[in-house]
């Protein structure tokens, strides 16, 4: 089996696997002595849907939000790019205030799950993964001592994780599938890693790429599809997962136009030939300058 710990990170985990019916004793509120402590030791990995919610909350473009509020990191040894929330030098989330989280209604998936971790497990040959949960218990957190008990299902409903889980699922499954294949896949080319970052996080750049003339000439999509992708972030995010399935696993999730591949090869040959001729001309000009000076 392959497994993936989604959320959160750098915490003390109680390894017992839990399910939706398991009981959870926990409550966080402004009156608790440790209020905001977890936000002042933040290590929050973001999903594509997290970025959509947060950038809209801040009224910024995805590119602006990534630049101002995130830091990149490598999610695995193959260099798959991820992003975390930027923190202060002391490790505090930039969105934390004395009153609490300033983006609470659009807080990331990791924050909604806390103090739970979510583990997806994909058995070899299985088409769907199984979800399990585990408890995070950090020394500073007093929420576990509160007199409130509910099932994990009730807690997640209270934290409104359903929409996040639904919209994160395909992207997380993509990464889980890649990890489950282990070393047989190998390190993706640098261009593929860059495309993964663009498709997953920088939707402004991805939208320009999808709406470009070159993309339209390559893929066989209806005009109505382009109209949706030009306006709807979630549709664009889901389209990005389809494109990444094609890049990572060769799945024909997006139909190419007849002859598109041959045309791309020809264009590349023309570009390389143009570069070769330009280099010949440059070298010839240098030689001519030498004789001119003489």
Protein backbone atom coordinates (compact mmCIF):
# COMPACT_ATOMS: atom_id res chain seq x y z
CA UNK A 1 0.00 0.00 0.00
CA UNK A 2 1.00 3.58 -0.54
CA UNK A 3 -0.02 6.23 1.89
CA UNK A 4 -0.01 9.99 2.03
CA UNK A 5 -0.28 12.23 5.04
CA UNK A 6 -2.21 15.20 3.77
CA UNK A 7 -2.55 17.50 6.77
CA UNK A 8 -1.08 18.89 8.96
CA UNK A 9 2.70 18.82 9.23
CA UNK A 10 5.42 18.85 11.92
CA UNK A 11 3.13 17.74 14.71
CA UNK A 12 3.13 15.05 17.38
CA UNK A 13 0.82 12.36 16.03
CA UNK A 14 -1.04 9.69 17.93
CA UNK A 15 -0.73 6.83 15.39
CA UNK A 16 -4.07 5.11 16.05
CA UNK A 17 -6.17 5.11 12.88
CA UNK A 18 -9.61 6.65 13.33
CA UNK A 19 -12.76 6.70 11.21
CA UNK A 20 -15.71 9.06 10.87
CA UNK A 21 -17.51 7.38 13.76
CA UNK A 22 -14.59 7.69 16.19
CA UNK A 23 -15.05 10.03 19.14
CA UNK A 24 -13.09 13.28 19.36
CA UNK A 25 -12.73 15.32 22.53
CA UNK A 26 -11.67 18.79 21.45
CA UNK A 27 -12.83 22.40 21.40
CA UNK A 28 -11.06 25.61 20.38
CA UNK A 29 -12.42 29.05 21.34
CA UNK A 30 -11.24 32.57 22.18
CA UNK A 31 -11.45 31.93 25.93
CA UNK A 32 -8.96 29.06 25.92
CA UNK A 33 -5.49 29.81 27.32
CA UNK A 34 -3.66 28.58 24.19
CA UNK A 35 -5.82 30.56 21.74
CA UNK A 36 -3.78 31.40 18.58
CA UNK A 37 -0.81 29.30 19.74
CA UNK A 38 -1.07 26.88 16.80
CA UNK A 39 -1.26 29.81 14.36
CA UNK A 40 1.96 31.20 15.83
CA UNK A 41 3.75 27.95 14.94
CA UNK A 42 2.24 27.61 11.48
CA UNK A 43 3.35 25.08 8.88
CA UNK A 44 0.44 25.00 6.46
CA UNK A 45 0.66 23.36 3.05
CA UNK A 46 -1.88 24.73 0.56
CA UNK A 47 -4.00 22.94 -2.02
CA UNK A 48 -5.11 24.57 -5.28
CA UNK A 49 -8.60 25.17 -3.85
CA UNK A 50 -7.08 26.77 -0.73
CA UNK A 51 -5.34 29.28 -2.98
CA UNK A 52 -8.54 30.12 -4.84
CA UNK A 53 -10.38 30.83 -1.58
CA UNK A 54 -7.54 32.83 -0.04
CA UNK A 55 -6.68 34.94 -3.08
CA UNK A 56 -10.36 35.85 -3.50
CA UNK A 57 -10.54 36.69 0.21
CA UNK A 58 -7.61 39.07 -0.22
CA UNK A 59 -8.84 40.48 -3.52
CA UNK A 60 -5.60 39.51 -5.24
CA UNK A 61 -4.66 37.61 -8.36
CA UNK A 62 -3.21 34.14 -7.87
CA UNK A 63 0.21 35.40 -8.95
CA UNK A 64 0.10 38.24 -6.42
CA UNK A 65 -1.09 35.96 -3.65
CA UNK A 66 1.66 33.40 -4.33
CA UNK A 67 4.32 36.12 -4.28
CA UNK A 68 3.11 37.84 -1.10
CA UNK A 69 1.71 35.01 1.02
CA UNK A 70 3.43 31.72 0.13
CA UNK A 71 6.82 30.03 -0.01
CA UNK A 72 7.68 27.11 -2.32
CA UNK A 73 8.98 23.75 -1.14
CA UNK A 74 9.61 20.27 -2.50
CA UNK A 75 6.85 17.81 -1.65
CA UNK A 76 8.89 14.71 -2.46
CA UNK A 77 12.40 13.63 -3.42
CA UNK A 78 11.52 13.95 -7.11
CA UNK A 79 11.06 17.68 -6.61
CA UNK A 80 7.28 17.92 -7.00
CA UNK A 81 6.60 21.58 -6.13
CA UNK A 82 4.31 22.62 -3.30
CA UNK A 83 3.53 25.88 -1.54
CA UNK A 84 3.14 26.74 2.14
CA UNK A 85 1.68 29.79 3.80
CA UNK A 86 4.36 32.41 4.41
CA UNK A 87 5.03 33.15 8.09
CA UNK A 88 6.91 35.74 10.10
CA UNK A 89 10.52 35.07 11.09
CA UNK A 90 9.12 33.68 14.35
CA UNK A 91 6.87 31.24 12.46
CA UNK A 92 3.52 32.97 12.95
CA UNK A 93 0.89 32.93 10.22
CA UNK A 94 0.54 36.32 8.56
CA UNK A 95 -3.24 36.12 8.90
CA UNK A 96 -3.35 35.64 12.70
CA UNK A 97 -4.54 38.54 14.89
CA UNK A 98 -5.21 38.86 18.61
CA UNK A 99 -8.89 38.21 17.82
CA UNK A 100 -8.10 35.10 15.81
CA UNK A 101 -7.82 34.25 12.13
CA UNK A 102 -8.49 37.18 9.80
CA UNK A 103 -9.38 34.82 6.92
CA UNK A 104 -11.36 32.34 9.04
CA UNK A 105 -14.26 31.82 6.61
CA UNK A 106 -11.74 30.97 3.86
CA UNK A 107 -9.10 29.28 6.03
CA UNK A 108 -7.09 26.44 4.42
CA UNK A 109 -7.96 22.76 4.56
CA UNK A 110 -5.19 22.03 7.09
CA UNK A 111 -6.59 24.59 9.51
CA UNK A 112 -10.11 23.16 9.20
CA UNK A 113 -8.91 19.64 9.99
CA UNK A 114 -6.79 20.49 13.01
CA UNK A 115 -6.32 18.62 15.39
CA UNK A 116 -6.90 15.82 12.90
CA UNK A 117 -4.60 14.47 10.24
CA UNK A 118 -6.01 12.89 7.11
CA UNK A 119 -4.35 9.88 5.51
CA UNK A 120 -5.32 8.47 2.13
CA UNK A 121 -4.24 4.93 1.33
CA UNK A 122 -4.28 3.43 -2.15
CA UNK A 123 -3.86 -0.32 -2.42
CA UNK A 124 -1.90 -1.60 -5.41
CA UNK A 125 -4.30 -2.02 -8.32
CA UNK A 126 -7.16 -0.26 -6.52
CA UNK A 127 -9.09 2.45 -8.36
CA UNK A 128 -10.18 4.36 -5.26
CA UNK A 129 -8.35 5.29 -2.06
CA UNK A 130 -9.42 4.79 1.54
CA UNK A 131 -9.54 7.67 4.01
CA UNK A 132 -8.31 7.39 7.57
CA UNK A 133 -7.79 9.96 10.31
CA UNK A 134 -5.35 10.34 13.17
CA UNK A 135 -5.11 12.67 16.13
CA UNK A 136 -2.58 15.49 16.54
CA UNK A 137 -1.70 16.25 20.16
CA UNK A 138 0.75 19.10 20.69
CA UNK A 139 1.94 20.20 24.13
CA UNK A 140 0.70 23.76 23.80
CA UNK A 141 -2.86 22.76 22.78
CA UNK A 142 -5.39 22.76 25.64
CA UNK A 143 -8.33 22.05 23.36
CA UNK A 144 -8.10 18.33 24.14
CA UNK A 145 -8.92 19.12 27.78
CA UNK A 146 -12.21 20.83 26.93
CA UNK A 147 -15.42 19.07 27.94
CA UNK A 148 -16.83 18.59 24.44
CA UNK A 149 -17.05 15.28 22.67
CA UNK A 150 -18.36 14.49 19.20
CA UNK A 151 -17.68 12.12 16.34
CA UNK A 152 -15.11 12.98 13.72
CA UNK A 153 -17.93 13.21 11.17
CA UNK A 154 -19.70 15.79 13.37
CA UNK A 155 -16.49 17.75 13.87
CA UNK A 156 -15.71 17.87 10.15
CA UNK A 157 -19.24 19.00 9.39
CA UNK A 158 -18.83 21.77 11.95
CA UNK A 159 -15.58 22.81 10.28
CA UNK A 160 -17.24 22.78 6.83
CA UNK A 161 -14.64 20.54 5.22
CA UNK A 162 -17.00 18.84 2.73
CA UNK A 163 -16.55 21.33 -0.11
CA UNK A 164 -12.80 21.44 0.42
CA UNK A 165 -12.57 17.64 0.42
CA UNK A 166 -14.64 17.37 -2.76
CA UNK A 167 -12.65 19.97 -4.67
CA UNK A 168 -9.26 18.80 -3.37
CA UNK A 169 -9.92 15.13 -4.08
CA UNK A 170 -8.86 14.83 -7.73
CA UNK A 171 -5.66 16.79 -7.16
CA UNK A 172 -4.73 14.78 -4.06
CA UNK A 173 -5.55 11.52 -5.85
CA UNK A 174 -3.24 12.55 -8.68
CA UNK A 175 -0.33 12.88 -6.25
CA UNK A 176 -1.28 9.71 -4.41
CA UNK A 177 -1.31 7.77 -7.68
CA UNK A 178 2.10 9.11 -8.55
CA UNK A 179 3.52 8.13 -5.15
CA UNK A 180 1.94 4.69 -5.33
CA UNK A 181 3.91 3.97 -8.51
CA UNK A 182 7.15 4.54 -6.60
CA UNK A 183 10.51 4.64 -8.37
CA UNK A 184 9.12 3.15 -11.58
CA UNK A 185 8.02 6.66 -12.62
CA UNK A 186 11.29 8.45 -11.90
CA UNK A 187 11.92 12.17 -11.69
CA UNK A 188 9.71 14.14 -14.09
CA UNK A 189 11.41 16.49 -16.56
CA UNK A 190 11.88 20.04 -15.29
CA UNK A 191 9.30 21.31 -17.80
CA UNK A 192 6.72 18.89 -16.35
CA UNK A 193 7.44 20.11 -12.80
CA UNK A 194 7.03 23.70 -13.94
CA UNK A 195 3.75 22.80 -15.61
CA UNK A 196 2.60 21.11 -12.38
CA UNK A 197 3.26 24.34 -10.45
CA UNK A 198 1.45 26.43 -13.04
CA UNK A 199 -1.58 24.11 -13.28
CA UNK A 200 -1.84 23.66 -9.51
CA UNK A 201 -1.14 27.11 -8.12
CA UNK A 202 -0.56 29.95 -10.58
CA UNK A 203 -3.89 29.97 -12.35
CA UNK A 204 -3.34 33.40 -13.89
CA UNK A 205 -0.40 32.07 -15.87
CA UNK A 206 -2.23 28.79 -16.53
CA UNK A 207 -5.26 30.65 -17.88
CA UNK A 208 -3.09 32.61 -20.30
CA UNK A 209 -1.49 29.33 -21.39
CA UNK A 210 -4.85 27.61 -21.98
CA UNK A 211 -6.29 30.56 -23.87
CA UNK A 212 -3.20 30.98 -26.05
CA UNK A 213 -3.34 30.43 -29.80
CA UNK A 214 -0.80 27.60 -29.56
CA UNK A 215 -2.94 25.69 -27.04
CA UNK A 216 -6.09 26.19 -29.12
CA UNK A 217 -4.27 24.89 -32.18
CA UNK A 218 -3.19 21.79 -30.28
CA UNK A 219 -6.28 20.64 -28.38
CA UNK A 220 -9.75 19.90 -29.73
CA UNK A 221 -12.03 21.82 -27.34
CA UNK A 222 -15.35 23.57 -27.88
CA UNK A 223 -15.44 27.37 -27.83
CA UNK A 224 -17.87 27.12 -24.92
CA UNK A 225 -15.20 25.27 -22.91
CA UNK A 226 -12.73 28.09 -23.44
CA UNK A 227 -15.39 30.59 -22.37
CA UNK A 228 -15.85 28.72 -19.08
CA UNK A 229 -12.11 28.37 -18.48
CA UNK A 230 -11.66 32.09 -19.09
CA UNK A 231 -14.07 32.97 -16.26
CA UNK A 232 -14.34 30.16 -13.71
CA UNK A 233 -11.41 29.41 -11.42
CA UNK A 234 -12.71 26.07 -10.16
CA UNK A 235 -13.33 24.79 -13.70
CA UNK A 236 -9.82 25.89 -14.63
CA UNK A 237 -8.41 24.10 -11.57
CA UNK A 238 -10.20 20.87 -12.51
CA UNK A 239 -9.04 21.22 -16.12
CA UNK A 240 -5.49 21.53 -14.81
CA UNK A 241 -5.77 18.14 -13.11
CA UNK A 242 -6.90 16.60 -16.40
CA UNK A 243 -3.91 18.11 -18.19
CA UNK A 244 -1.52 16.86 -15.50
CA UNK A 245 -2.90 13.32 -15.80
CA UNK A 246 -1.93 13.52 -19.45
CA UNK A 247 1.55 14.83 -18.64
CA UNK A 248 2.37 12.43 -15.80
CA UNK A 249 0.63 9.24 -16.86
CA UNK A 250 -0.04 9.62 -20.57
CA UNK A 251 -3.81 9.49 -20.03
CA UNK A 252 -5.63 10.96 -23.02
CA UNK A 253 -7.90 13.14 -20.92
CA UNK A 254 -7.93 16.03 -23.44
CA UNK A 255 -8.38 15.31 -27.13
CA UNK A 256 -5.68 16.67 -29.40
CA UNK A 257 -6.43 17.91 -32.90
CA UNK A 258 -5.46 15.68 -35.81
CA UNK A 259 -1.84 16.28 -36.76
CA UNK A 260 -1.18 18.48 -33.72
CA UNK A 261 1.77 16.41 -32.56
CA UNK A 262 3.39 16.38 -35.99
CA UNK A 263 2.85 20.12 -36.26
CA UNK A 264 4.55 20.74 -32.89
CA UNK A 265 7.54 18.64 -33.98
CA UNK A 266 7.80 20.60 -37.22
CA UNK A 267 7.56 23.91 -35.39
CA UNK A 268 10.30 22.90 -33.00
CA UNK A 269 12.52 21.85 -35.90
CA UNK A 270 11.91 25.21 -37.55
CA UNK A 271 12.78 27.03 -34.32
CA UNK A 272 16.00 25.08 -33.87
CA UNK A 273 16.96 25.67 -37.49
CA UNK A 274 16.31 29.41 -37.08
CA UNK A 275 18.50 29.43 -33.96
CA UNK A 276 21.23 27.52 -35.80
CA UNK A 277 21.20 29.98 -38.69
CA UNK A 278 21.25 32.91 -36.25
CA UNK A 279 24.30 31.45 -34.49
CA UNK A 280 26.06 30.96 -37.86
CA UNK A 281 25.34 34.58 -38.76
CA UNK A 282 26.62 35.78 -35.38
CA UNK A 283 29.87 33.86 -35.74
CA UNK A 284 30.32 35.11 -39.31
CA UNK A 285 29.76 38.69 -38.16
CA UNK A 286 32.41 38.26 -35.46
CA UNK A 287 34.86 37.01 -38.08
CA UNK A 288 34.06 39.93 -40.36
CA UNK A 289 34.67 42.38 -37.49
CA UNK A 290 38.08 40.83 -36.85
CA UNK A 291 39.18 41.38 -40.45
CA UNK A 292 37.68 44.87 -40.48
CA UNK A 293 39.73 45.87 -37.44
CA UNK A 294 42.86 44.42 -39.03
